Amino acid sequence: MDKKSAELLKKMCSILEIVRWSCLISEVLLIGLFLIFVSDKGIYNTIFGSIRIDYLQLIFKNDLALNKDKMSGWLPLLFLSIAVWVFIIYKSVKTVEEICSFTIINHSPFDRTVSDYITRLAKYIFAGGIVYNIINVCRIIYFKQIINFDVLLNTDYVTQIDFAFHPKISFLIVAALIYLLSFIFRYGQELQQLSDETL
């Protein structure tokens, strides 16, 4: 490996470390929010004057439009599932950082260890995609459960409300491609070993 590539990998490691620490801070904050919302039921009576659903923000005149009993069950669950998702991102970033560090030390990415790291990364992407879809399902159920649409909307004009769920499956393709990449690195190691033996 030349000096320029090594410097580039070192810079990448520094950026990945910042991203990893950001994920860790977010993880701590999400777990903190989860514990606050689980332990203090009175908080639901004080902080909710509006709700945002993507681009739509609903501002309420009073609490009749919200079912705060159901909110107390679903909101901590959402925080916990997002915390799990952020933790998977943290582990993925750490794995990429380990690949870069290993390559800097050993001057070559073609090694069984790197192949194992890439396999682990594919598993994290697969798990992260599943958790992301679960979060989206939970969000839909959350909004269906907590908002009293009969109070919020005029039933003379609006007869039915549907929340469409479109599962994201692109993560399966990405995970499969990265998993296949691990075999390429494994094969690369064998070729390098044969080359060294020939020399």
Protein backbone atom coordinates (compact mmCIF):
# COMPACT_ATOMS: atom_id res chain seq x y z
CA MET A 1 0.00 0.00 0.00
CA ASP A 2 1.36 3.44 -0.91
CA LYS A 3 1.61 6.38 1.50
CA LYS A 4 -1.28 8.29 -0.10
CA SER A 5 -3.70 5.36 0.39
CA ALA A 6 -2.57 4.96 4.01
CA GLU A 7 -3.19 8.66 4.71
CA LEU A 8 -6.63 8.44 3.08
CA LEU A 9 -7.52 5.45 5.26
CA LYS A 10 -6.33 7.31 8.38
CA LYS A 11 -8.59 10.26 7.50
CA MET A 12 -11.47 7.87 6.92
CA CYS A 13 -10.82 6.27 10.32
CA SER A 14 -10.97 9.74 11.95
CA ILE A 15 -14.31 10.53 10.25
CA LEU A 16 -15.71 7.12 11.19
CA GLU A 17 -14.66 7.66 14.80
CA ILE A 18 -16.62 10.95 14.91
CA VAL A 19 -19.68 9.22 13.39
CA ARG A 20 -19.33 6.34 15.87
CA TRP A 21 -19.19 8.68 18.87
CA SER A 22 -22.20 10.61 17.52
CA CYS A 23 -24.12 7.33 17.34
CA LEU A 24 -23.06 6.48 20.90
CA ILE A 25 -24.26 9.89 22.21
CA SER A 26 -27.57 9.47 20.33
CA GLU A 27 -27.90 5.98 21.82
CA VAL A 28 -27.47 7.31 25.37
CA LEU A 29 -30.01 10.11 24.74
CA LEU A 30 -32.59 7.70 23.29
CA ILE A 31 -32.22 5.29 26.22
CA GLY A 32 -32.54 8.28 28.56
CA LEU A 33 -35.76 9.38 26.82
CA PHE A 34 -37.06 5.80 26.96
CA LEU A 35 -36.44 5.65 30.74
CA ILE A 36 -38.02 9.09 31.33
CA PHE A 37 -41.18 8.25 29.36
CA VAL A 38 -41.51 4.82 31.00
CA SER A 39 -41.02 6.05 34.57
CA ASP A 40 -42.92 9.38 34.50
CA LYS A 41 -46.50 9.03 33.20
CA GLY A 42 -47.25 12.64 34.14
CA ILE A 43 -44.94 13.90 31.38
CA TYR A 44 -47.60 13.08 28.76
CA ASN A 45 -49.89 15.75 30.26
CA THR A 46 -47.35 18.54 29.89
CA ILE A 47 -45.33 18.38 26.68
CA PHE A 48 -47.67 17.48 23.83
CA GLY A 49 -49.35 20.45 22.16
CA SER A 50 -48.55 19.28 18.65
CA ILE A 51 -47.53 16.20 16.66
CA ARG A 52 -45.52 16.00 13.44
CA ILE A 53 -46.26 13.28 10.87
CA ASP A 54 -43.50 13.71 8.28
CA TYR A 55 -44.36 17.06 6.59
CA LEU A 56 -47.67 17.50 8.42
CA GLN A 57 -47.64 19.23 11.81
CA LEU A 58 -50.83 19.09 13.89
CA ILE A 59 -51.22 21.73 16.60
CA PHE A 60 -53.95 20.99 19.13
CA LYS A 61 -56.22 23.40 20.96
CA ASN A 62 -56.77 20.86 23.75
CA ASP A 63 -55.99 17.26 24.64
CA LEU A 64 -59.23 15.71 23.34
CA ALA A 65 -57.61 14.79 20.02
CA LEU A 66 -54.90 12.68 21.73
CA ASN A 67 -55.23 9.37 23.54
CA LYS A 68 -52.49 9.80 26.13
CA ASP A 69 -53.02 6.39 27.77
CA LYS A 70 -52.11 4.63 24.52
CA MET A 71 -49.33 7.15 23.90
CA SER A 72 -47.68 6.13 27.19
CA GLY A 73 -47.46 2.57 25.87
CA TRP A 74 -46.29 3.26 22.32
CA LEU A 75 -43.89 6.20 22.63
CA PRO A 76 -41.32 4.44 24.88
CA LEU A 77 -41.46 1.45 22.50
CA LEU A 78 -40.63 3.76 19.58
CA PHE A 79 -37.69 5.28 21.47
CA LEU A 80 -36.41 1.80 22.34
CA SER A 81 -36.68 0.50 18.76
CA ILE A 82 -34.87 3.61 17.43
CA ALA A 83 -32.18 3.05 20.09
CA VAL A 84 -31.72 -0.53 18.81
CA TRP A 85 -31.46 0.78 15.23
CA VAL A 86 -28.86 3.41 16.21
CA PHE A 87 -26.88 0.71 18.05
CA ILE A 88 -26.81 -1.39 14.86
CA ILE A 89 -25.54 1.67 12.93
CA TYR A 90 -22.89 2.17 15.64
CA LYS A 91 -21.72 -1.46 15.28
CA SER A 92 -21.67 -1.15 11.47
CA VAL A 93 -19.54 2.01 11.59
CA LYS A 94 -17.20 0.35 14.11
CA THR A 95 -16.80 -2.65 11.79
CA VAL A 96 -15.87 -0.40 8.83
CA GLU A 97 -13.43 1.45 11.10
CA GLU A 98 -11.85 -1.90 12.10
CA ILE A 99 -11.47 -2.85 8.41
CA CYS A 100 -9.65 0.45 7.72
CA SER A 101 -7.41 0.08 10.80
CA PHE A 102 -6.54 -3.52 9.92
CA THR A 103 -5.68 -2.52 6.34
CA ILE A 104 -3.39 0.30 7.55
CA ILE A 105 -1.50 -2.04 9.92
CA ASN A 106 -1.21 -5.02 7.55
CA HIS A 107 -0.78 -2.98 4.32
CA SER A 108 -3.31 -5.21 2.52
CA PRO A 109 -7.09 -5.72 2.78
CA PHE A 110 -6.92 -9.29 1.44
CA ASP A 111 -7.08 -11.30 4.63
CA ARG A 112 -9.44 -13.74 6.32
CA THR A 113 -10.00 -11.20 9.12
CA VAL A 114 -11.23 -8.53 6.67
CA SER A 115 -13.50 -11.11 5.04
CA ASP A 116 -15.00 -11.88 8.48
CA TYR A 117 -15.48 -8.15 9.15
CA ILE A 118 -17.31 -7.75 5.82
CA THR A 119 -19.55 -10.75 6.62
CA ARG A 120 -20.36 -9.16 9.98
CA LEU A 121 -21.13 -5.84 8.24
CA ALA A 122 -23.59 -7.61 5.91
CA LYS A 123 -25.36 -9.10 8.96
CA TYR A 124 -25.61 -5.65 10.59
CA ILE A 125 -27.10 -4.16 7.40
CA PHE A 126 -29.63 -6.99 7.24
CA ALA A 127 -30.59 -6.54 10.92
CA GLY A 128 -30.71 -2.74 10.54
CA GLY A 129 -33.09 -3.01 7.56
CA ILE A 130 -35.46 -5.28 9.49
CA VAL A 131 -35.45 -2.97 12.54
CA TYR A 132 -36.03 0.07 10.27
CA ASN A 133 -39.15 -1.57 8.78
CA ILE A 134 -40.37 -2.50 12.29
CA ILE A 135 -39.96 1.16 13.34
CA ASN A 136 -42.09 2.28 10.38
CA VAL A 137 -44.83 -0.23 11.29
CA CYS A 138 -44.71 0.97 14.92
CA ARG A 139 -44.99 4.61 13.77
CA ILE A 140 -48.15 3.83 11.78
CA ILE A 141 -49.73 1.91 14.68
CA TYR A 142 -48.66 4.71 17.06
CA PHE A 143 -50.44 7.40 15.05
CA LYS A 144 -53.51 5.21 14.52
CA GLN A 145 -53.76 4.51 18.25
CA ILE A 146 -53.09 7.93 19.78
CA ILE A 147 -54.89 10.38 17.48
CA ASN A 148 -58.66 10.65 17.85
CA PHE A 149 -59.51 11.31 14.21
CA ASP A 150 -63.26 11.63 14.93
CA VAL A 151 -62.50 14.75 16.96
CA LEU A 152 -59.73 15.98 14.68
CA LEU A 153 -61.54 15.71 11.34
CA ASN A 154 -65.05 16.48 10.18
CA THR A 155 -66.64 13.05 9.55
CA ASP A 156 -69.14 14.63 7.12
CA TYR A 157 -66.26 15.13 4.70
CA VAL A 158 -63.66 12.53 5.72
CA THR A 159 -65.02 8.99 5.97
CA GLN A 160 -61.84 6.92 6.15
CA ILE A 161 -58.15 7.38 6.91
CA ASP A 162 -55.50 4.89 5.79
CA PHE A 163 -51.81 4.82 6.61
CA ALA A 164 -50.00 3.14 3.73
CA PHE A 165 -46.97 1.05 4.67
CA HIS A 166 -44.38 0.45 1.97
CA PRO A 167 -41.65 -1.90 3.23
CA LYS A 168 -38.11 -0.95 2.26
CA ILE A 169 -36.36 -4.05 0.91
CA SER A 170 -33.33 -2.47 -0.78
CA PHE A 171 -31.30 -3.38 2.32
CA LEU A 172 -31.56 -7.05 1.27
CA ILE A 173 -29.73 -6.30 -1.99
CA VAL A 174 -27.05 -4.22 -0.22
CA ALA A 175 -26.53 -6.91 2.46
CA ALA A 176 -26.30 -9.65 -0.20
CA LEU A 177 -23.75 -7.67 -2.27
CA ILE A 178 -21.58 -6.97 0.78
CA TYR A 179 -21.81 -10.64 1.80
CA LEU A 180 -20.63 -11.65 -1.70
CA LEU A 181 -17.80 -9.13 -1.37
CA SER A 182 -16.49 -11.11 1.61
CA PHE A 183 -15.92 -14.10 -0.70
CA ILE A 184 -13.97 -11.89 -3.12
CA PHE A 185 -11.68 -10.80 -0.27
CA ARG A 186 -11.28 -14.43 0.81
CA TYR A 187 -10.35 -15.40 -2.75
CA GLY A 188 -7.98 -12.42 -2.92
CA GLN A 189 -6.21 -13.71 0.18
CA GLU A 190 -5.73 -17.12 -1.46
CA LEU A 191 -4.30 -15.49 -4.61
CA GLN A 192 -1.95 -13.34 -2.55
CA GLN A 193 -0.82 -16.41 -0.59
CA LEU A 194 -0.10 -18.29 -3.84
CA SER A 195 1.79 -15.26 -5.17
CA ASP A 196 3.93 -15.08 -2.00
CA GLU A 197 4.68 -18.81 -2.22
CA THR A 198 5.67 -18.45 -5.89
CA LEU A 199 8.03 -15.60 -5.05
